Amino acid sequence: MEDEKRLGHFRECGPRNGQQRQGTSRDRSVELPENRSMAHLAVHAHSRLESIDLTRCTTITDGGFQHWSIYKFTNLRRLILADCTYLTDNAIVYLTNAAKGLRELDLSFCCALSDTATEVLSLGCPHLSSLKLSFCGSAVSDSSLRSIGLHLLELKELSVRGCVRVTGVGVEAVVEGCTILEKFDRRIILYPSNRVSCCA
């Protein structure tokens, strides 16, 4: 069976109802609470993984992604790192070296990042079609959006909701550069007629 041959999808670390899930090599949902687990993933599954959800895995730091930097996650298309609060720009550098084919990335609530992270992403993962940077505090500014508008030309969805340093200048840079953008969550929706509707 295909599901038994591929480690195609990992889900969030957070325990539910006070219980810790115990994952096996046949499970499609396993816990990744520590950096050594990230190393294990890199060694044993880097060529197979397609989707990883690490929501609220706050025990994972830059060191976990440093293990990834020497491997190529060639099939990884979707990565959710929402609320991984200890990740810094260094983690993004390691990530872009490992997974240049990413299509969807969620960095919501990753407040330790800076504009540098977005610039590195824009250059290192040019095929992103969905990027979520919601509620990153002051980590995202107009400089980030200018990088996105210049380099992420395949982007269809962008969320910067709650990013307090974003102004109309950055919004214009994205709208002008990302010509196939469909959803801009500030909230701005682009309709087929190219009308822009603000729903914030």
C-alpha atoms as a PDB file:
ATOM      1  CA  MET A   1       0.000   0.000   0.000  1.00  0.00           C
ATOM      2  CA  GLU A   2       1.189   3.489  -0.793  1.00  0.00           C
ATOM      3  CA  ASP A   3       0.504   4.711   2.756  1.00  0.00           C
ATOM      4  CA  GLU A   4       2.820   2.063   4.122  1.00  0.00           C
ATOM      5  CA  LYS A   5       5.637   2.946   1.749  1.00  0.00           C
ATOM      6  CA  ARG A   6       5.683   6.695   2.239  1.00  0.00           C
ATOM      7  CA  LEU A   7       6.033   8.909   5.305  1.00  0.00           C
ATOM      8  CA  GLY A   8       3.959  11.453   3.503  1.00  0.00           C
ATOM      9  CA  HIS A   9       2.431  13.544   6.277  1.00  0.00           C
ATOM     10  CA  PHE A  10       3.332  14.461   9.850  1.00  0.00           C
ATOM     11  CA  ARG A  11       0.951  16.265  12.160  1.00  0.00           C
ATOM     12  CA  GLU A  12       1.352  18.633  15.082  1.00  0.00           C
ATOM     13  CA  CYS A  13       3.256  17.777  18.246  1.00  0.00           C
ATOM     14  CA  GLY A  14       0.800  19.141  20.766  1.00  0.00           C
ATOM     15  CA  PRO A  15      -0.750  16.482  23.036  1.00  0.00           C
ATOM     16  CA  ARG A  16      -4.518  16.120  22.941  1.00  0.00           C
ATOM     17  CA  ASN A  17      -6.657  15.468  26.001  1.00  0.00           C
ATOM     18  CA  GLY A  18      -3.514  15.150  28.088  1.00  0.00           C
ATOM     19  CA  GLN A  19      -2.264  12.170  26.084  1.00  0.00           C
ATOM     20  CA  GLN A  20       0.989  11.821  24.193  1.00  0.00           C
ATOM     21  CA  ARG A  21       0.705  10.040  20.854  1.00  0.00           C
ATOM     22  CA  GLN A  22       3.170   7.236  20.277  1.00  0.00           C
ATOM     23  CA  GLY A  23       4.287   7.139  16.643  1.00  0.00           C
ATOM     24  CA  THR A  24       5.753   4.247  14.726  1.00  0.00           C
ATOM     25  CA  SER A  25       7.342   4.043  11.302  1.00  0.00           C
ATOM     26  CA  ARG A  26       3.973   3.003   9.872  1.00  0.00           C
ATOM     27  CA  ASP A  27       2.087   5.971  11.359  1.00  0.00           C
ATOM     28  CA  ARG A  28       1.296   9.077   9.345  1.00  0.00           C
ATOM     29  CA  SER A  29       1.122  11.095  12.592  1.00  0.00           C
ATOM     30  CA  VAL A  30       4.112  11.163  14.929  1.00  0.00           C
ATOM     31  CA  GLU A  31       5.512  13.493  17.533  1.00  0.00           C
ATOM     32  CA  LEU A  32       8.641  15.508  16.874  1.00  0.00           C
ATOM     33  CA  PRO A  33       9.255  17.202  20.222  1.00  0.00           C
ATOM     34  CA  GLU A  34      13.036  17.544  20.181  1.00  0.00           C
ATOM     35  CA  ASN A  35      15.862  18.489  17.899  1.00  0.00           C
ATOM     36  CA  ARG A  36      17.172  14.939  17.823  1.00  0.00           C
ATOM     37  CA  SER A  37      13.889  13.890  16.276  1.00  0.00           C
ATOM     38  CA  MET A  38      14.511  16.433  13.535  1.00  0.00           C
ATOM     39  CA  ALA A  39      17.882  14.810  12.947  1.00  0.00           C
ATOM     40  CA  HIS A  40      16.222  11.398  12.780  1.00  0.00           C
ATOM     41  CA  LEU A  41      13.773  12.733  10.202  1.00  0.00           C
ATOM     42  CA  ALA A  42      16.570  14.118   8.083  1.00  0.00           C
ATOM     43  CA  VAL A  43      18.563  10.906   8.087  1.00  0.00           C
ATOM     44  CA  HIS A  44      15.737   8.445   7.516  1.00  0.00           C
ATOM     45  CA  ALA A  45      12.969  10.275   5.664  1.00  0.00           C
ATOM     46  CA  HIS A  46      14.348  13.311   3.826  1.00  0.00           C
ATOM     47  CA  SER A  47      13.620  11.857   0.403  1.00  0.00           C
ATOM     48  CA  ARG A  48      10.090  10.678   1.239  1.00  0.00           C
ATOM     49  CA  LEU A  49       8.412  13.443   3.201  1.00  0.00           C
ATOM     50  CA  GLU A  50       5.811  15.502   1.377  1.00  0.00           C
ATOM     51  CA  SER A  51       4.034  17.331   4.211  1.00  0.00           C
ATOM     52  CA  ILE A  52       5.038  18.123   7.796  1.00  0.00           C
ATOM     53  CA  ASP A  53       2.955  19.822  10.473  1.00  0.00           C
ATOM     54  CA  LEU A  54       4.978  20.972  13.493  1.00  0.00           C
ATOM     55  CA  THR A  55       2.404  23.361  14.951  1.00  0.00           C
ATOM     56  CA  ARG A  56       3.294  24.404  18.525  1.00  0.00           C
ATOM     57  CA  CYS A  57       6.463  22.305  18.628  1.00  0.00           C
ATOM     58  CA  THR A  58       8.178  24.840  20.853  1.00  0.00           C
ATOM     59  CA  THR A  59      10.969  22.453  21.829  1.00  0.00           C
ATOM     60  CA  ILE A  60      12.345  22.601  18.289  1.00  0.00           C
ATOM     61  CA  THR A  61      14.987  25.281  17.801  1.00  0.00           C
ATOM     62  CA  ASP A  62      17.403  26.343  15.083  1.00  0.00           C
ATOM     63  CA  GLY A  63      19.551  23.338  15.954  1.00  0.00           C
ATOM     64  CA  GLY A  64      16.834  21.001  14.747  1.00  0.00           C
ATOM     65  CA  PHE A  65      16.847  22.571  11.305  1.00  0.00           C
ATOM     66  CA  GLN A  66      20.625  22.632  11.231  1.00  0.00           C
ATOM     67  CA  HIS A  67      20.417  18.850  10.896  1.00  0.00           C
ATOM     68  CA  TRP A  68      18.325  19.354   7.763  1.00  0.00           C
ATOM     69  CA  SER A  69      20.831  21.571   5.979  1.00  0.00           C
ATOM     70  CA  ILE A  70      23.019  18.683   4.774  1.00  0.00           C
ATOM     71  CA  TYR A  71      20.081  16.775   3.261  1.00  0.00           C
ATOM     72  CA  LYS A  72      17.749  17.475   0.367  1.00  0.00           C
ATOM     73  CA  PHE A  73      14.037  17.201   1.113  1.00  0.00           C
ATOM     74  CA  THR A  74      13.255  16.938  -2.576  1.00  0.00           C
ATOM     75  CA  ASN A  75       9.589  15.954  -2.185  1.00  0.00           C
ATOM     76  CA  LEU A  76       8.654  18.275   0.666  1.00  0.00           C
ATOM     77  CA  ARG A  77       5.902  20.601  -0.529  1.00  0.00           C
ATOM     78  CA  ARG A  78       4.060  21.656   2.652  1.00  0.00           C
ATOM     79  CA  LEU A  79       5.533  22.696   5.997  1.00  0.00           C
ATOM     80  CA  ILE A  80       3.650  24.166   8.955  1.00  0.00           C
ATOM     81  CA  LEU A  81       5.731  25.787  11.682  1.00  0.00           C
ATOM     82  CA  ALA A  82       3.013  27.916  13.258  1.00  0.00           C
ATOM     83  CA  ASP A  83       3.772  28.944  16.845  1.00  0.00           C
ATOM     84  CA  CYS A  84       7.289  27.477  16.824  1.00  0.00           C
ATOM     85  CA  THR A  85       8.356  30.458  18.862  1.00  0.00           C
ATOM     86  CA  TYR A  86      12.073  29.740  19.242  1.00  0.00           C
ATOM     87  CA  LEU A  87      12.914  29.613  15.557  1.00  0.00           C
ATOM     88  CA  THR A  88      15.119  32.445  14.294  1.00  0.00           C
ATOM     89  CA  ASP A  89      16.426  33.517  10.909  1.00  0.00           C
ATOM     90  CA  ASN A  90      19.080  30.796  11.112  1.00  0.00           C
ATOM     91  CA  ALA A  91      16.405  28.101  10.978  1.00  0.00           C
ATOM     92  CA  ILE A  92      15.063  29.623   7.760  1.00  0.00           C
ATOM     93  CA  VAL A  93      18.527  29.602   6.215  1.00  0.00           C
ATOM     94  CA  TYR A  94      18.884  25.896   7.000  1.00  0.00           C
ATOM     95  CA  LEU A  95      15.365  25.231   5.731  1.00  0.00           C
ATOM     96  CA  THR A  96      15.873  26.907   2.372  1.00  0.00           C
ATOM     97  CA  ASN A  97      19.044  24.905   1.825  1.00  0.00           C
ATOM     98  CA  ALA A  98      17.134  21.687   2.440  1.00  0.00           C
ATOM     99  CA  ALA A  99      13.708  22.243   0.865  1.00  0.00           C
ATOM    100  CA  LYS A 100      13.893  24.516  -2.146  1.00  0.00           C
ATOM    101  CA  GLY A 101      10.786  22.927  -3.660  1.00  0.00           C
ATOM    102  CA  LEU A 102       8.405  24.052  -0.912  1.00  0.00           C
ATOM    103  CA  ARG A 103       4.989  25.193  -2.122  1.00  0.00           C
ATOM    104  CA  GLU A 104       3.243  25.972   1.191  1.00  0.00           C
ATOM    105  CA  LEU A 105       4.858  27.404   4.327  1.00  0.00           C
ATOM    106  CA  ASP A 106       3.191  28.610   7.528  1.00  0.00           C
ATOM    107  CA  LEU A 107       5.295  30.694   9.927  1.00  0.00           C
ATOM    108  CA  SER A 108       2.420  32.305  11.821  1.00  0.00           C
ATOM    109  CA  PHE A 109       3.274  33.466  15.354  1.00  0.00           C
ATOM    110  CA  CYS A 110       7.015  32.916  14.788  1.00  0.00           C
ATOM    111  CA  CYS A 111       7.915  36.225  16.395  1.00  0.00           C
ATOM    112  CA  ALA A 112      11.669  35.663  16.701  1.00  0.00           C
ATOM    113  CA  LEU A 113      12.108  36.014  12.935  1.00  0.00           C
ATOM    114  CA  SER A 114      13.081  39.209  11.137  1.00  0.00           C
ATOM    115  CA  ASP A 115      12.916  40.657   7.632  1.00  0.00           C
ATOM    116  CA  THR A 116      16.036  38.641   6.865  1.00  0.00           C
ATOM    117  CA  ALA A 117      14.046  35.410   7.123  1.00  0.00           C
ATOM    118  CA  THR A 118      11.542  36.591   4.528  1.00  0.00           C
ATOM    119  CA  GLU A 119      14.291  37.753   2.195  1.00  0.00           C
ATOM    120  CA  VAL A 120      16.066  34.395   2.480  1.00  0.00           C
ATOM    121  CA  LEU A 121      12.799  32.580   1.814  1.00  0.00           C
ATOM    122  CA  SER A 122      12.004  34.725  -1.200  1.00  0.00           C
ATOM    123  CA  LEU A 123      15.329  33.881  -2.798  1.00  0.00           C
ATOM    124  CA  GLY A 124      15.677  30.291  -1.609  1.00  0.00           C
ATOM    125  CA  CYS A 125      12.133  28.975  -2.144  1.00  0.00           C
ATOM    126  CA  PRO A 126      10.966  30.687  -5.343  1.00  0.00           C
ATOM    127  CA  HIS A 127       8.145  28.207  -5.989  1.00  0.00           C
ATOM    128  CA  LEU A 128       6.107  29.077  -2.903  1.00  0.00           C
ATOM    129  CA  SER A 129       2.427  29.432  -3.714  1.00  0.00           C
ATOM    130  CA  SER A 130       1.234  29.952  -0.124  1.00  0.00           C
ATOM    131  CA  LEU A 131       3.074  31.851   2.611  1.00  0.00           C
ATOM    132  CA  LYS A 132       1.566  32.626   6.015  1.00  0.00           C
ATOM    133  CA  LEU A 133       3.302  35.152   8.245  1.00  0.00           C
ATOM    134  CA  SER A 134       0.342  36.152  10.390  1.00  0.00           C
ATOM    135  CA  PHE A 135       0.882  37.625  13.832  1.00  0.00           C
ATOM    136  CA  CYS A 136       4.670  37.670  13.608  1.00  0.00           C
ATOM    137  CA  GLY A 137       4.643  40.961  15.498  1.00  0.00           C
ATOM    138  CA  SER A 138       7.373  43.274  14.250  1.00  0.00           C
ATOM    139  CA  ALA A 139       9.181  40.488  12.382  1.00  0.00           C
ATOM    140  CA  VAL A 140       7.645  41.400   9.025  1.00  0.00           C
ATOM    141  CA  SER A 141       7.803  44.861   7.453  1.00  0.00           C
ATOM    142  CA  ASP A 142       7.488  46.535   4.078  1.00  0.00           C
ATOM    143  CA  SER A 143      11.022  45.334   3.329  1.00  0.00           C
ATOM    144  CA  SER A 144       9.782  41.747   3.597  1.00  0.00           C
ATOM    145  CA  LEU A 145       6.890  42.451   1.269  1.00  0.00           C
ATOM    146  CA  ARG A 146       9.172  44.080  -1.284  1.00  0.00           C
ATOM    147  CA  SER A 147      11.264  40.897  -1.363  1.00  0.00           C
ATOM    148  CA  ILE A 148       8.125  38.821  -1.776  1.00  0.00           C
ATOM    149  CA  GLY A 149       6.907  41.014  -4.620  1.00  0.00           C
ATOM    150  CA  LEU A 150      10.238  40.768  -6.409  1.00  0.00           C
ATOM    151  CA  HIS A 151      10.909  37.051  -6.107  1.00  0.00           C
ATOM    152  CA  LEU A 152       7.832  34.982  -5.211  1.00  0.00           C
ATOM    153  CA  LEU A 153       6.174  35.235  -8.587  1.00  0.00           C
ATOM    154  CA  GLU A 154       4.230  31.973  -8.176  1.00  0.00           C
ATOM    155  CA  LEU A 155       2.569  33.147  -4.972  1.00  0.00           C
ATOM    156  CA  LYS A 156      -1.211  32.753  -4.826  1.00  0.00           C
ATOM    157  CA  GLU A 157      -1.833  33.227  -1.103  1.00  0.00           C
ATOM    158  CA  LEU A 158      -0.123  35.525   1.398  1.00  0.00           C
ATOM    159  CA  SER A 159      -1.113  36.261   4.975  1.00  0.00           C
ATOM    160  CA  VAL A 160       0.487  39.069   6.982  1.00  0.00           C
ATOM    161  CA  ARG A 161      -2.422  39.671   9.313  1.00  0.00           C
ATOM    162  CA  GLY A 162      -1.329  41.249  12.565  1.00  0.00           C
ATOM    163  CA  CYS A 163       2.122  42.247  11.246  1.00  0.00           C
ATOM    164  CA  VAL A 164       2.245  45.768  12.686  1.00  0.00           C
ATOM    165  CA  ARG A 165       5.098  47.105  10.526  1.00  0.00           C
ATOM    166  CA  VAL A 166       3.352  46.423   7.221  1.00  0.00           C
ATOM    167  CA  THR A 167       1.992  49.547   5.501  1.00  0.00           C
ATOM    168  CA  GLY A 168       0.374  50.357   2.200  1.00  0.00           C
ATOM    169  CA  VAL A 169       3.807  50.592   0.585  1.00  0.00           C
ATOM    170  CA  GLY A 170       4.472  46.920   1.210  1.00  0.00           C
ATOM    171  CA  VAL A 171       0.982  45.914   0.160  1.00  0.00           C
ATOM    172  CA  GLU A 172       1.420  47.725  -3.161  1.00  0.00           C
ATOM    173  CA  ALA A 173       4.765  45.987  -3.759  1.00  0.00           C
ATOM    174  CA  VAL A 174       3.139  42.577  -3.365  1.00  0.00           C
ATOM    175  CA  VAL A 175       0.093  43.397  -5.471  1.00  0.00           C
ATOM    176  CA  GLU A 176       2.243  44.735  -8.283  1.00  0.00           C
ATOM    177  CA  GLY A 177       4.839  41.957  -8.221  1.00  0.00           C
ATOM    178  CA  CYS A 178       2.785  38.842  -7.492  1.00  0.00           C
ATOM    179  CA  THR A 179       0.576  38.935 -10.539  1.00  0.00           C
ATOM    180  CA  ILE A 180      -1.259  35.643  -9.902  1.00  0.00           C
ATOM    181  CA  LEU A 181      -1.999  36.404  -6.253  1.00  0.00           C
ATOM    182  CA  GLU A 182      -5.534  35.351  -5.317  1.00  0.00           C
ATOM    183  CA  LYS A 183      -5.697  35.961  -1.583  1.00  0.00           C
ATOM    184  CA  PHE A 184      -3.858  38.587   0.447  1.00  0.00           C
ATOM    185  CA  ASP A 185      -4.894  38.252   4.062  1.00  0.00           C
ATOM    186  CA  ARG A 186      -4.705  41.647   5.556  1.00  0.00           C
ATOM    187  CA  ARG A 187      -7.419  40.987   4.377  1.00  0.00           C
ATOM    188  CA  ILE A 188      -7.302  41.784   0.696  1.00  0.00           C
ATOM    189  CA  ILE A 189      -8.891  39.557  -1.941  1.00  0.00           C
ATOM    190  CA  LEU A 190      -7.943  39.885  -5.578  1.00  0.00           C
ATOM    191  CA  TYR A 191     -10.818  39.141  -7.912  1.00  0.00           C
ATOM    192  CA  PRO A 192     -10.485  38.077 -11.584  1.00  0.00           C
ATOM    193  CA  SER A 193     -11.301  41.639 -12.647  1.00  0.00           C
ATOM    194  CA  ASN A 194      -8.181  42.764 -10.715  1.00  0.00           C
ATOM    195  CA  ARG A 195     -10.351  44.812  -8.359  1.00  0.00           C
ATOM    196  CA  VAL A 196      -8.927  44.913  -4.836  1.00  0.00           C
ATOM    197  CA  SER A 197     -11.366  44.568  -1.966  1.00  0.00           C
ATOM    198  CA  CYS A 198     -10.222  45.349   1.572  1.00  0.00           C
ATOM    199  CA  CYS A 199     -11.892  43.271   4.257  1.00  0.00           C
ATOM    200  CA  ALA A 200      -9.707  44.075   7.253  1.00  0.00           C
END
